[in-house]
């Protein structure tokens, strides 16, 4: 049995048996019931995902997957492909936004080369997991073979399961790859499903003319690969990206170990969507960090019936939204763990 098949077999639905006890504890804290709003729901969901009414927050790790995309040759991005390895080195040096926000959240950033079209020689601290040097052009054929897609998913699975064994209790996703809103939009269009023009946005900041061209490129990619999009993994191989596959695998691997996952933005949501389509139980273990300014992200949340933790107009990726949401989720768990109860503090409850 492959690692992917083993992992899928290990994913179980969330057990809601202790939910009443968890909510009763929150209601017994020294505050009016429900007065901390969505923070209380974050605490409930974290407890349920980890399977305990006495949660513990250990290591927090953000995995940022980097990969390139052959579809950039179609002129769908405002930036050249060379920016991907340049930003990889910036993240490794600690100078990117995800580094700053992860430090603020007390989280570690682990950068994974899963498909950068550059050898990245002497890149200190890089997790070298390259499946291939970038995907092929999805407007002309499949992004990768089924075997490559499976390998990329299993890279993510392995990283998540290793992190869980090392004490990680919350895992965040992130990505870096010029052009990756294009395959992400294609994944959403195929798997939500929805119309390409509704899900496709400006990515790195393209103008109206380029946006219209991008929509046509994605429509062509879906048409060219239509017969290959018969199931989630096949669609991932046909019209996805290596970092999207890595995020899908990271999600599956973490959930198989009952470690909740904080999904970053638009691209990470595409990876999470593939994981959920492969195994519907995954959804209950996910925290979607924020509503991206990328136009199609709102469509995703509406169709997927999920709620983001934050809405700050962010559209950077890297794991920046995940880092911010990790801070709030940890705050929610600390409220649950550390706040006094009415009994322990000697505070009177409200009159019946």
C-alpha atoms as a PDB file:
ATOM      1  CA  UNK A   1       0.000   0.000   0.000  1.00  0.00           C
ATOM      2  CA  UNK A   2       1.330   3.465  -0.889  1.00  0.00           C
ATOM      3  CA  UNK A   3       1.913   6.210   1.672  1.00  0.00           C
ATOM      4  CA  UNK A   4      -1.053   8.103   0.217  1.00  0.00           C
ATOM      5  CA  UNK A   5      -3.369   5.111   0.540  1.00  0.00           C
ATOM      6  CA  UNK A   6      -2.170   4.382   4.090  1.00  0.00           C
ATOM      7  CA  UNK A   7      -2.712   7.993   5.089  1.00  0.00           C
ATOM      8  CA  UNK A   8      -6.208   8.120   3.630  1.00  0.00           C
ATOM      9  CA  UNK A   9      -7.128   4.998   5.596  1.00  0.00           C
ATOM     10  CA  UNK A  10      -5.932   6.642   8.830  1.00  0.00           C
ATOM     11  CA  UNK A  11      -8.144   9.740   8.529  1.00  0.00           C
ATOM     12  CA  UNK A  12     -11.162   9.515  10.793  1.00  0.00           C
ATOM     13  CA  UNK A  13     -14.134  11.847  11.240  1.00  0.00           C
ATOM     14  CA  UNK A  14     -13.989  14.230  14.189  1.00  0.00           C
ATOM     15  CA  UNK A  15     -15.561  12.726  17.323  1.00  0.00           C
ATOM     16  CA  UNK A  16     -18.129  15.188  18.715  1.00  0.00           C
ATOM     17  CA  UNK A  17     -18.702  13.116  21.856  1.00  0.00           C
ATOM     18  CA  UNK A  18     -16.962  15.615  24.147  1.00  0.00           C
ATOM     19  CA  UNK A  19     -18.432  18.771  22.558  1.00  0.00           C
ATOM     20  CA  UNK A  20     -20.986  19.357  25.328  1.00  0.00           C
ATOM     21  CA  UNK A  21     -18.230  19.178  27.941  1.00  0.00           C
ATOM     22  CA  UNK A  22     -16.056  21.588  25.959  1.00  0.00           C
ATOM     23  CA  UNK A  23     -18.856  24.129  25.565  1.00  0.00           C
ATOM     24  CA  UNK A  24     -19.856  23.800  29.225  1.00  0.00           C
ATOM     25  CA  UNK A  25     -16.307  24.652  30.254  1.00  0.00           C
ATOM     26  CA  UNK A  26     -16.318  27.752  28.035  1.00  0.00           C
ATOM     27  CA  UNK A  27     -19.646  28.842  29.500  1.00  0.00           C
ATOM     28  CA  UNK A  28     -18.232  28.439  33.026  1.00  0.00           C
ATOM     29  CA  UNK A  29     -15.374  30.862  32.395  1.00  0.00           C
ATOM     30  CA  UNK A  30     -15.629  34.305  34.030  1.00  0.00           C
ATOM     31  CA  UNK A  31     -17.508  36.029  31.202  1.00  0.00           C
ATOM     32  CA  UNK A  32     -21.023  36.118  29.828  1.00  0.00           C
ATOM     33  CA  UNK A  33     -21.639  33.005  27.698  1.00  0.00           C
ATOM     34  CA  UNK A  34     -20.564  33.553  24.097  1.00  0.00           C
ATOM     35  CA  UNK A  35     -19.094  36.988  24.803  1.00  0.00           C
ATOM     36  CA  UNK A  36     -15.759  36.119  23.167  1.00  0.00           C
ATOM     37  CA  UNK A  37     -17.578  35.371  19.941  1.00  0.00           C
ATOM     38  CA  UNK A  38     -15.704  33.455  17.268  1.00  0.00           C
ATOM     39  CA  UNK A  39     -12.698  32.953  19.585  1.00  0.00           C
ATOM     40  CA  UNK A  40     -14.852  30.495  21.506  1.00  0.00           C
ATOM     41  CA  UNK A  41     -15.705  28.613  18.321  1.00  0.00           C
ATOM     42  CA  UNK A  42     -12.004  28.434  17.451  1.00  0.00           C
ATOM     43  CA  UNK A  43     -11.331  26.860  20.833  1.00  0.00           C
ATOM     44  CA  UNK A  44     -14.178  24.355  20.378  1.00  0.00           C
ATOM     45  CA  UNK A  45     -12.971  23.380  16.914  1.00  0.00           C
ATOM     46  CA  UNK A  46      -9.360  22.993  18.073  1.00  0.00           C
ATOM     47  CA  UNK A  47     -10.443  20.748  20.954  1.00  0.00           C
ATOM     48  CA  UNK A  48     -12.612  18.610  18.691  1.00  0.00           C
ATOM     49  CA  UNK A  49      -9.919  18.294  16.024  1.00  0.00           C
ATOM     50  CA  UNK A  50      -7.318  17.197  18.571  1.00  0.00           C
ATOM     51  CA  UNK A  51      -9.803  14.926  20.318  1.00  0.00           C
ATOM     52  CA  UNK A  52      -9.589  16.320  23.843  1.00  0.00           C
ATOM     53  CA  UNK A  53     -11.367  18.646  26.264  1.00  0.00           C
ATOM     54  CA  UNK A  54      -7.952  19.547  27.736  1.00  0.00           C
ATOM     55  CA  UNK A  55      -6.063  21.000  24.754  1.00  0.00           C
ATOM     56  CA  UNK A  56      -2.322  21.593  24.595  1.00  0.00           C
ATOM     57  CA  UNK A  57      -0.561  23.921  22.191  1.00  0.00           C
ATOM     58  CA  UNK A  58       2.910  22.659  21.282  1.00  0.00           C
ATOM     59  CA  UNK A  59       5.028  23.509  18.261  1.00  0.00           C
ATOM     60  CA  UNK A  60       3.537  25.644  15.502  1.00  0.00           C
ATOM     61  CA  UNK A  61       5.062  25.123  12.061  1.00  0.00           C
ATOM     62  CA  UNK A  62       4.314  26.807   8.739  1.00  0.00           C
ATOM     63  CA  UNK A  63       5.378  24.868   5.650  1.00  0.00           C
ATOM     64  CA  UNK A  64       5.901  27.125   2.639  1.00  0.00           C
ATOM     65  CA  UNK A  65       6.055  25.108  -0.588  1.00  0.00           C
ATOM     66  CA  UNK A  66       7.839  26.634  -3.582  1.00  0.00           C
ATOM     67  CA  UNK A  67       7.314  25.651  -7.204  1.00  0.00           C
ATOM     68  CA  UNK A  68       7.282  27.058 -10.720  1.00  0.00           C
ATOM     69  CA  UNK A  69       4.650  26.861 -13.445  1.00  0.00           C
ATOM     70  CA  UNK A  70       5.002  26.320 -17.176  1.00  0.00           C
ATOM     71  CA  UNK A  71       1.827  28.321 -17.798  1.00  0.00           C
ATOM     72  CA  UNK A  72       3.766  31.521 -17.016  1.00  0.00           C
ATOM     73  CA  UNK A  73       4.894  31.285 -20.659  1.00  0.00           C
ATOM     74  CA  UNK A  74       1.324  32.305 -21.585  1.00  0.00           C
ATOM     75  CA  UNK A  75       1.810  35.765 -20.043  1.00  0.00           C
ATOM     76  CA  UNK A  76      -0.573  35.340 -17.091  1.00  0.00           C
ATOM     77  CA  UNK A  77       1.599  36.990 -14.409  1.00  0.00           C
ATOM     78  CA  UNK A  78       2.891  40.489 -13.769  1.00  0.00           C
ATOM     79  CA  UNK A  79       6.228  39.075 -12.574  1.00  0.00           C
ATOM     80  CA  UNK A  80       8.838  36.869 -14.292  1.00  0.00           C
ATOM     81  CA  UNK A  81       9.533  33.297 -13.215  1.00  0.00           C
ATOM     82  CA  UNK A  82      12.942  34.376 -11.873  1.00  0.00           C
ATOM     83  CA  UNK A  83      11.199  35.876  -8.845  1.00  0.00           C
ATOM     84  CA  UNK A  84      10.417  32.412  -7.439  1.00  0.00           C
ATOM     85  CA  UNK A  85      14.019  31.417  -6.601  1.00  0.00           C
ATOM     86  CA  UNK A  86      14.785  35.000  -5.564  1.00  0.00           C
ATOM     87  CA  UNK A  87      11.956  34.931  -3.037  1.00  0.00           C
ATOM     88  CA  UNK A  88      12.998  31.472  -1.877  1.00  0.00           C
ATOM     89  CA  UNK A  89      16.365  32.915  -0.876  1.00  0.00           C
ATOM     90  CA  UNK A  90      14.661  35.899   0.768  1.00  0.00           C
ATOM     91  CA  UNK A  91      12.495  33.607   2.894  1.00  0.00           C
ATOM     92  CA  UNK A  92      15.497  31.483   3.822  1.00  0.00           C
ATOM     93  CA  UNK A  93      17.296  34.672   4.921  1.00  0.00           C
ATOM     94  CA  UNK A  94      14.339  35.553   7.153  1.00  0.00           C
ATOM     95  CA  UNK A  95      13.444  38.717   5.264  1.00  0.00           C
ATOM     96  CA  UNK A  96       9.968  37.937   3.903  1.00  0.00           C
ATOM     97  CA  UNK A  97       6.604  38.860   5.392  1.00  0.00           C
ATOM     98  CA  UNK A  98       5.960  35.258   6.416  1.00  0.00           C
ATOM     99  CA  UNK A  99       9.166  35.264   8.454  1.00  0.00           C
ATOM    100  CA  UNK A 100       8.187  38.427  10.313  1.00  0.00           C
ATOM    101  CA  UNK A 101       4.648  37.250  11.069  1.00  0.00           C
ATOM    102  CA  UNK A 102       5.766  33.741  12.012  1.00  0.00           C
ATOM    103  CA  UNK A 103       8.263  35.171  14.483  1.00  0.00           C
ATOM    104  CA  UNK A 104       5.442  37.264  15.926  1.00  0.00           C
ATOM    105  CA  UNK A 105       3.281  34.134  16.265  1.00  0.00           C
ATOM    106  CA  UNK A 106       6.087  32.027  17.714  1.00  0.00           C
ATOM    107  CA  UNK A 107       5.917  29.687  14.727  1.00  0.00           C
ATOM    108  CA  UNK A 108       8.697  28.092  12.701  1.00  0.00           C
ATOM    109  CA  UNK A 109       8.847  28.486   8.920  1.00  0.00           C
ATOM    110  CA  UNK A 110      10.045  25.486   6.929  1.00  0.00           C
ATOM    111  CA  UNK A 111      10.603  26.235   3.249  1.00  0.00           C
ATOM    112  CA  UNK A 112      10.191  23.324   0.833  1.00  0.00           C
ATOM    113  CA  UNK A 113      11.519  23.243  -2.729  1.00  0.00           C
ATOM    114  CA  UNK A 114       9.005  20.908  -4.299  1.00  0.00           C
ATOM    115  CA  UNK A 115       9.322  22.191  -7.846  1.00  0.00           C
ATOM    116  CA  UNK A 116      11.396  25.338  -8.377  1.00  0.00           C
ATOM    117  CA  UNK A 117      12.925  25.612 -11.849  1.00  0.00           C
ATOM    118  CA  UNK A 118      16.327  26.470 -10.403  1.00  0.00           C
ATOM    119  CA  UNK A 119      18.955  24.250  -8.748  1.00  0.00           C
ATOM    120  CA  UNK A 120      19.018  26.513  -5.657  1.00  0.00           C
ATOM    121  CA  UNK A 121      22.550  25.451  -4.898  1.00  0.00           C
ATOM    122  CA  UNK A 122      23.931  26.343  -1.465  1.00  0.00           C
ATOM    123  CA  UNK A 123      20.469  27.400  -0.244  1.00  0.00           C
ATOM    124  CA  UNK A 124      21.002  26.897   3.465  1.00  0.00           C
ATOM    125  CA  UNK A 125      17.985  25.688   5.425  1.00  0.00           C
ATOM    126  CA  UNK A 126      15.987  24.641   2.361  1.00  0.00           C
ATOM    127  CA  UNK A 127      14.074  21.361   2.472  1.00  0.00           C
ATOM    128  CA  UNK A 128      15.053  19.910  -0.908  1.00  0.00           C
ATOM    129  CA  UNK A 129      12.096  17.797  -2.045  1.00  0.00           C
ATOM    130  CA  UNK A 130      11.997  18.678  -5.743  1.00  0.00           C
ATOM    131  CA  UNK A 131       9.707  16.385  -7.734  1.00  0.00           C
ATOM    132  CA  UNK A 132      10.473  18.120 -11.025  1.00  0.00           C
ATOM    133  CA  UNK A 133      11.766  21.535 -12.096  1.00  0.00           C
ATOM    134  CA  UNK A 134       8.392  23.236 -12.486  1.00  0.00           C
ATOM    135  CA  UNK A 135       5.206  22.027 -14.112  1.00  0.00           C
ATOM    136  CA  UNK A 136       4.483  21.854 -17.827  1.00  0.00           C
ATOM    137  CA  UNK A 137       2.211  24.404 -19.503  1.00  0.00           C
ATOM    138  CA  UNK A 138      -1.366  23.432 -18.562  1.00  0.00           C
ATOM    139  CA  UNK A 139      -2.714  25.353 -21.559  1.00  0.00           C
ATOM    140  CA  UNK A 140      -1.103  22.724 -23.771  1.00  0.00           C
ATOM    141  CA  UNK A 141      -1.375  19.527 -21.720  1.00  0.00           C
ATOM    142  CA  UNK A 142      -1.104  18.106 -18.196  1.00  0.00           C
ATOM    143  CA  UNK A 143       0.946  19.911 -15.563  1.00  0.00           C
ATOM    144  CA  UNK A 144       2.601  16.667 -14.488  1.00  0.00           C
ATOM    145  CA  UNK A 145       2.183  12.925 -14.641  1.00  0.00           C
ATOM    146  CA  UNK A 146      -0.003  11.053 -12.183  1.00  0.00           C
ATOM    147  CA  UNK A 147       3.120   9.562 -10.615  1.00  0.00           C
ATOM    148  CA  UNK A 148       4.633  13.019 -10.126  1.00  0.00           C
ATOM    149  CA  UNK A 149       1.417  14.299  -8.562  1.00  0.00           C
ATOM    150  CA  UNK A 150       1.320  11.362  -6.178  1.00  0.00           C
ATOM    151  CA  UNK A 151       4.975  11.908  -5.267  1.00  0.00           C
ATOM    152  CA  UNK A 152       4.340  15.602  -4.574  1.00  0.00           C
ATOM    153  CA  UNK A 153       1.339  14.774  -2.378  1.00  0.00           C
ATOM    154  CA  UNK A 154       3.427  12.217  -0.500  1.00  0.00           C
ATOM    155  CA  UNK A 155       6.158  14.824   0.087  1.00  0.00           C
ATOM    156  CA  UNK A 156       3.574  16.870   1.977  1.00  0.00           C
ATOM    157  CA  UNK A 157       2.274  13.832   3.848  1.00  0.00           C
ATOM    158  CA  UNK A 158       5.758  12.889   4.999  1.00  0.00           C
ATOM    159  CA  UNK A 159       6.572  16.403   6.196  1.00  0.00           C
ATOM    160  CA  UNK A 160       3.332  16.672   8.185  1.00  0.00           C
ATOM    161  CA  UNK A 161       3.664  13.276   9.813  1.00  0.00           C
ATOM    162  CA  UNK A 162       7.290  13.969  10.722  1.00  0.00           C
ATOM    163  CA  UNK A 163       6.280  17.310  12.224  1.00  0.00           C
ATOM    164  CA  UNK A 164       3.502  15.683  14.251  1.00  0.00           C
ATOM    165  CA  UNK A 165       5.938  13.086  15.583  1.00  0.00           C
ATOM    166  CA  UNK A 166       8.228  15.961  16.584  1.00  0.00           C
ATOM    167  CA  UNK A 167       5.581  17.680  18.684  1.00  0.00           C
ATOM    168  CA  UNK A 168       3.745  19.958  16.255  1.00  0.00           C
ATOM    169  CA  UNK A 169       0.172  20.591  17.376  1.00  0.00           C
ATOM    170  CA  UNK A 170      -0.751  23.188  14.743  1.00  0.00           C
ATOM    171  CA  UNK A 171       0.471  23.257  11.138  1.00  0.00           C
ATOM    172  CA  UNK A 172       0.118  26.141   8.714  1.00  0.00           C
ATOM    173  CA  UNK A 173       0.337  26.106   4.933  1.00  0.00           C
ATOM    174  CA  UNK A 174       2.049  28.550   2.620  1.00  0.00           C
ATOM    175  CA  UNK A 175       3.412  28.765  -0.915  1.00  0.00           C
ATOM    176  CA  UNK A 176       5.690  30.675  -3.249  1.00  0.00           C
ATOM    177  CA  UNK A 177       5.480  30.341  -7.011  1.00  0.00           C
ATOM    178  CA  UNK A 178       5.065  32.933  -9.738  1.00  0.00           C
ATOM    179  CA  UNK A 179       1.928  32.197 -11.762  1.00  0.00           C
ATOM    180  CA  UNK A 180       0.310  29.921  -9.200  1.00  0.00           C
ATOM    181  CA  UNK A 181      -3.059  31.690  -9.069  1.00  0.00           C
ATOM    182  CA  UNK A 182      -3.631  30.349 -12.599  1.00  0.00           C
ATOM    183  CA  UNK A 183      -3.546  26.599 -11.755  1.00  0.00           C
ATOM    184  CA  UNK A 184      -5.323  27.363  -8.479  1.00  0.00           C
ATOM    185  CA  UNK A 185      -8.182  29.006 -10.364  1.00  0.00           C
ATOM    186  CA  UNK A 186      -8.292  26.016 -12.697  1.00  0.00           C
ATOM    187  CA  UNK A 187      -8.528  23.648  -9.715  1.00  0.00           C
ATOM    188  CA  UNK A 188     -11.371  25.650  -8.198  1.00  0.00           C
ATOM    189  CA  UNK A 189     -13.222  25.803 -11.519  1.00  0.00           C
ATOM    190  CA  UNK A 190     -12.940  22.038 -11.941  1.00  0.00           C
ATOM    191  CA  UNK A 191     -13.568  20.853  -8.379  1.00  0.00           C
ATOM    192  CA  UNK A 192     -15.978  23.331  -6.787  1.00  0.00           C
ATOM    193  CA  UNK A 193     -17.098  23.554  -9.633  1.00  0.00           C
ATOM    194  CA  UNK A 194     -17.650  27.099 -10.880  1.00  0.00           C
ATOM    195  CA  UNK A 195     -17.208  29.284 -13.941  1.00  0.00           C
ATOM    196  CA  UNK A 196     -13.624  30.295 -14.687  1.00  0.00           C
ATOM    197  CA  UNK A 197     -14.423  34.011 -14.915  1.00  0.00           C
ATOM    198  CA  UNK A 198     -15.972  33.973 -11.418  1.00  0.00           C
ATOM    199  CA  UNK A 199     -12.975  32.394  -9.708  1.00  0.00           C
ATOM    200  CA  UNK A 200     -10.099  34.060 -11.588  1.00  0.00           C
ATOM    201  CA  UNK A 201      -8.481  37.200 -10.174  1.00  0.00           C
ATOM    202  CA  UNK A 202      -5.559  39.521 -10.754  1.00  0.00           C
ATOM    203  CA  UNK A 203      -2.905  37.506  -8.908  1.00  0.00           C
ATOM    204  CA  UNK A 204       0.208  39.656  -8.637  1.00  0.00           C
ATOM    205  CA  UNK A 205      -1.645  42.682 -10.015  1.00  0.00           C
ATOM    206  CA  UNK A 206      -2.348  42.210 -13.730  1.00  0.00           C
ATOM    207  CA  UNK A 207      -4.365  44.724 -15.757  1.00  0.00           C
ATOM    208  CA  UNK A 208      -7.798  44.190 -17.312  1.00  0.00           C
ATOM    209  CA  UNK A 209      -6.442  43.007 -20.660  1.00  0.00           C
ATOM    210  CA  UNK A 210      -4.167  40.424 -19.025  1.00  0.00           C
ATOM    211  CA  UNK A 211      -6.970  39.279 -16.737  1.00  0.00           C
ATOM    212  CA  UNK A 212      -9.211  38.573 -19.733  1.00  0.00           C
ATOM    213  CA  UNK A 213      -6.331  36.682 -21.345  1.00  0.00           C
ATOM    214  CA  UNK A 214      -5.745  34.720 -18.121  1.00  0.00           C
ATOM    215  CA  UNK A 215      -9.382  33.608 -18.081  1.00  0.00           C
ATOM    216  CA  UNK A 216      -9.062  32.326 -21.643  1.00  0.00           C
ATOM    217  CA  UNK A 217      -5.835  30.492 -20.810  1.00  0.00           C
ATOM    218  CA  UNK A 218      -7.503  28.722 -17.870  1.00  0.00           C
ATOM    219  CA  UNK A 219     -10.545  27.815 -19.953  1.00  0.00           C
ATOM    220  CA  UNK A 220      -8.214  26.369 -22.579  1.00  0.00           C
ATOM    221  CA  UNK A 221      -6.309  24.421 -19.921  1.00  0.00           C
ATOM    222  CA  UNK A 222      -9.513  22.866 -18.602  1.00  0.00           C
ATOM    223  CA  UNK A 223     -10.675  21.986 -22.106  1.00  0.00           C
ATOM    224  CA  UNK A 224      -7.338  20.470 -23.115  1.00  0.00           C
ATOM    225  CA  UNK A 225      -7.251  18.402 -19.920  1.00  0.00           C
ATOM    226  CA  UNK A 226     -10.966  17.680 -19.548  1.00  0.00           C
ATOM    227  CA  UNK A 227     -10.673  13.893 -19.794  1.00  0.00           C
ATOM    228  CA  UNK A 228      -7.888  13.925 -17.202  1.00  0.00           C
ATOM    229  CA  UNK A 229     -10.022  15.703 -14.568  1.00  0.00           C
ATOM    230  CA  UNK A 230     -12.110  12.659 -13.699  1.00  0.00           C
ATOM    231  CA  UNK A 231     -11.178  12.617  -9.992  1.00  0.00           C
ATOM    232  CA  UNK A 232      -9.389  14.994  -7.570  1.00  0.00           C
ATOM    233  CA  UNK A 233      -5.900  13.494  -7.876  1.00  0.00           C
ATOM    234  CA  UNK A 234      -6.130  13.330 -11.666  1.00  0.00           C
ATOM    235  CA  UNK A 235      -7.308  16.940 -11.803  1.00  0.00           C
ATOM    236  CA  UNK A 236      -4.416  17.953  -9.565  1.00  0.00           C
ATOM    237  CA  UNK A 237      -1.973  16.272 -11.933  1.00  0.00           C
ATOM    238  CA  UNK A 238      -3.592  17.755 -15.032  1.00  0.00           C
ATOM    239  CA  UNK A 239      -4.201  21.390 -14.106  1.00  0.00           C
ATOM    240  CA  UNK A 240      -2.597  21.907 -10.690  1.00  0.00           C
ATOM    241  CA  UNK A 241       0.840  22.751  -9.398  1.00  0.00           C
ATOM    242  CA  UNK A 242       3.547  21.042  -7.390  1.00  0.00           C
ATOM    243  CA  UNK A 243       3.158  23.356  -4.391  1.00  0.00           C
ATOM    244  CA  UNK A 244      -0.624  22.844  -4.519  1.00  0.00           C
ATOM    245  CA  UNK A 245      -0.003  19.091  -4.429  1.00  0.00           C
ATOM    246  CA  UNK A 246       2.406  19.501  -1.519  1.00  0.00           C
ATOM    247  CA  UNK A 247      -0.185  21.496   0.418  1.00  0.00           C
ATOM    248  CA  UNK A 248      -2.804  18.838  -0.324  1.00  0.00           C
ATOM    249  CA  UNK A 249      -0.481  16.179   1.062  1.00  0.00           C
ATOM    250  CA  UNK A 250       0.527  18.266   4.076  1.00  0.00           C
ATOM    251  CA  UNK A 251      -3.160  18.630   4.910  1.00  0.00           C
ATOM    252  CA  UNK A 252      -3.844  14.906   4.573  1.00  0.00           C
ATOM    253  CA  UNK A 253      -0.762  13.983   6.575  1.00  0.00           C
ATOM    254  CA  UNK A 254      -1.529  16.366   9.426  1.00  0.00           C
ATOM    255  CA  UNK A 255      -5.157  15.295   9.668  1.00  0.00           C
ATOM    256  CA  UNK A 256      -4.117  11.636   9.738  1.00  0.00           C
ATOM    257  CA  UNK A 257      -2.300  12.509  12.987  1.00  0.00           C
ATOM    258  CA  UNK A 258      -5.149  14.692  14.350  1.00  0.00           C
ATOM    259  CA  UNK A 259      -3.120  17.862  13.962  1.00  0.00           C
ATOM    260  CA  UNK A 260      -5.295  20.804  12.842  1.00  0.00           C
ATOM    261  CA  UNK A 261      -4.221  22.710   9.734  1.00  0.00           C
ATOM    262  CA  UNK A 262      -4.344  26.479   9.243  1.00  0.00           C
ATOM    263  CA  UNK A 263      -4.888  27.086   5.539  1.00  0.00           C
ATOM    264  CA  UNK A 264      -3.313  30.266   4.178  1.00  0.00           C
ATOM    265  CA  UNK A 265      -4.918  32.011   1.206  1.00  0.00           C
ATOM    266  CA  UNK A 266      -6.198  31.409  -2.308  1.00  0.00           C
ATOM    267  CA  UNK A 267      -3.539  28.947  -3.486  1.00  0.00           C
ATOM    268  CA  UNK A 268      -3.456  27.045  -0.200  1.00  0.00           C
ATOM    269  CA  UNK A 269      -7.248  26.786  -0.317  1.00  0.00           C
ATOM    270  CA  UNK A 270      -6.924  25.065  -3.693  1.00  0.00           C
ATOM    271  CA  UNK A 271      -4.651  22.460  -2.126  1.00  0.00           C
ATOM    272  CA  UNK A 272      -7.027  22.051   0.800  1.00  0.00           C
ATOM    273  CA  UNK A 273      -9.963  21.679  -1.589  1.00  0.00           C
ATOM    274  CA  UNK A 274      -8.239  18.783  -3.357  1.00  0.00           C
ATOM    275  CA  UNK A 275      -7.611  17.127   0.025  1.00  0.00           C
ATOM    276  CA  UNK A 276     -11.265  17.574   1.018  1.00  0.00           C
ATOM    277  CA  UNK A 277     -12.488  16.177  -2.289  1.00  0.00           C
ATOM    278  CA  UNK A 278     -10.218  13.161  -1.756  1.00  0.00           C
ATOM    279  CA  UNK A 279     -11.464  12.681   1.828  1.00  0.00           C
ATOM    280  CA  UNK A 280     -14.455  14.712   3.089  1.00  0.00           C
ATOM    281  CA  UNK A 281     -13.536  14.103   6.762  1.00  0.00           C
ATOM    282  CA  UNK A 282     -10.592  16.495   6.296  1.00  0.00           C
ATOM    283  CA  UNK A 283     -12.768  19.612   6.358  1.00  0.00           C
ATOM    284  CA  UNK A 284     -13.481  19.493  10.107  1.00  0.00           C
ATOM    285  CA  UNK A 285      -9.771  19.708  10.893  1.00  0.00           C
ATOM    286  CA  UNK A 286      -9.173  22.894   8.883  1.00  0.00           C
ATOM    287  CA  UNK A 287      -9.003  26.534   9.884  1.00  0.00           C
ATOM    288  CA  UNK A 288      -9.157  28.857   6.875  1.00  0.00           C
ATOM    289  CA  UNK A 289      -6.983  31.749   7.962  1.00  0.00           C
ATOM    290  CA  UNK A 290      -8.345  34.635   5.930  1.00  0.00           C
ATOM    291  CA  UNK A 291     -10.404  35.878   3.023  1.00  0.00           C
ATOM    292  CA  UNK A 292      -7.909  36.785   0.330  1.00  0.00           C
ATOM    293  CA  UNK A 293      -8.303  39.925  -1.743  1.00  0.00           C
ATOM    294  CA  UNK A 294      -8.024  37.591  -4.741  1.00  0.00           C
ATOM    295  CA  UNK A 295     -11.554  37.884  -6.123  1.00  0.00           C
ATOM    296  CA  UNK A 296     -12.298  34.181  -6.414  1.00  0.00           C
ATOM    297  CA  UNK A 297     -11.609  33.421  -2.767  1.00  0.00           C
ATOM    298  CA  UNK A 298     -15.017  34.777  -1.738  1.00  0.00           C
ATOM    299  CA  UNK A 299     -16.588  32.465  -4.314  1.00  0.00           C
ATOM    300  CA  UNK A 300     -14.723  29.546  -2.761  1.00  0.00           C
ATOM    301  CA  UNK A 301     -15.973  30.338   0.755  1.00  0.00           C
ATOM    302  CA  UNK A 302     -19.539  30.727  -0.484  1.00  0.00           C
ATOM    303  CA  UNK A 303     -19.528  27.468  -2.443  1.00  0.00           C
ATOM    304  CA  UNK A 304     -17.544  25.528   0.162  1.00  0.00           C
ATOM    305  CA  UNK A 305     -19.635  26.912   3.051  1.00  0.00           C
ATOM    306  CA  UNK A 306     -16.622  27.778   5.182  1.00  0.00           C
ATOM    307  CA  UNK A 307     -15.758  30.826   7.295  1.00  0.00           C
ATOM    308  CA  UNK A 308     -12.351  32.542   7.280  1.00  0.00           C
ATOM    309  CA  UNK A 309     -10.811  33.616  10.582  1.00  0.00           C
ATOM    310  CA  UNK A 310      -9.736  37.035   9.255  1.00  0.00           C
ATOM    311  CA  UNK A 311     -10.556  39.498   6.485  1.00  0.00           C
ATOM    312  CA  UNK A 312      -7.671  41.958   6.114  1.00  0.00           C
ATOM    313  CA  UNK A 313      -7.443  42.366   2.355  1.00  0.00           C
ATOM    314  CA  UNK A 314      -4.273  40.263   2.234  1.00  0.00           C
ATOM    315  CA  UNK A 315      -3.252  38.554  -1.023  1.00  0.00           C
ATOM    316  CA  UNK A 316       0.431  37.808  -0.523  1.00  0.00           C
ATOM    317  CA  UNK A 317       0.544  34.097   0.177  1.00  0.00           C
ATOM    318  CA  UNK A 318       3.764  32.633   1.633  1.00  0.00           C
ATOM    319  CA  UNK A 319       1.861  31.609   4.786  1.00  0.00           C
ATOM    320  CA  UNK A 320       1.300  35.184   5.998  1.00  0.00           C
ATOM    321  CA  UNK A 321      -2.406  34.724   6.701  1.00  0.00           C
ATOM    322  CA  UNK A 322      -1.723  31.392   8.368  1.00  0.00           C
ATOM    323  CA  UNK A 323       0.776  33.032  10.728  1.00  0.00           C
ATOM    324  CA  UNK A 324      -1.749  35.683  11.760  1.00  0.00           C
ATOM    325  CA  UNK A 325      -4.512  33.144  12.302  1.00  0.00           C
ATOM    326  CA  UNK A 326      -2.201  30.871  14.290  1.00  0.00           C
ATOM    327  CA  UNK A 327      -1.837  33.715  16.809  1.00  0.00           C
ATOM    328  CA  UNK A 328      -5.610  33.946  17.218  1.00  0.00           C
ATOM    329  CA  UNK A 329      -6.128  30.190  17.455  1.00  0.00           C
ATOM    330  CA  UNK A 330      -3.464  29.967  20.135  1.00  0.00           C
ATOM    331  CA  UNK A 331      -5.129  32.878  21.960  1.00  0.00           C
ATOM    332  CA  UNK A 332      -8.434  30.997  21.836  1.00  0.00           C
ATOM    333  CA  UNK A 333      -6.821  27.849  23.271  1.00  0.00           C
ATOM    334  CA  UNK A 334      -5.154  29.889  26.038  1.00  0.00           C
ATOM    335  CA  UNK A 335      -8.505  31.438  26.934  1.00  0.00           C
ATOM    336  CA  UNK A 336      -9.919  27.934  27.252  1.00  0.00           C
ATOM    337  CA  UNK A 337      -6.935  26.649  29.279  1.00  0.00           C
ATOM    338  CA  UNK A 338      -5.968  29.600  31.447  1.00  0.00           C
ATOM    339  CA  UNK A 339      -9.042  31.706  32.163  1.00  0.00           C
ATOM    340  CA  UNK A 340     -10.580  31.296  35.613  1.00  0.00           C
ATOM    341  CA  UNK A 341     -13.972  29.690  36.068  1.00  0.00           C
ATOM    342  CA  UNK A 342     -16.733  31.269  38.126  1.00  0.00           C
ATOM    343  CA  UNK A 343     -16.121  28.695  40.845  1.00  0.00           C
ATOM    344  CA  UNK A 344     -12.315  29.000  40.971  1.00  0.00           C
ATOM    345  CA  UNK A 345     -12.428  32.812  40.995  1.00  0.00           C
ATOM    346  CA  UNK A 346     -15.316  33.092  43.432  1.00  0.00           C
ATOM    347  CA  UNK A 347     -17.317  35.179  40.950  1.00  0.00           C
ATOM    348  CA  UNK A 348     -21.096  35.051  40.997  1.00  0.00           C
ATOM    349  CA  UNK A 349     -22.863  33.798  37.907  1.00  0.00           C
ATOM    350  CA  UNK A 350     -25.730  35.715  36.331  1.00  0.00           C
ATOM    351  CA  UNK A 351     -29.134  35.408  37.923  1.00  0.00           C
ATOM    352  CA  UNK A 352     -31.435  32.780  36.452  1.00  0.00           C
END
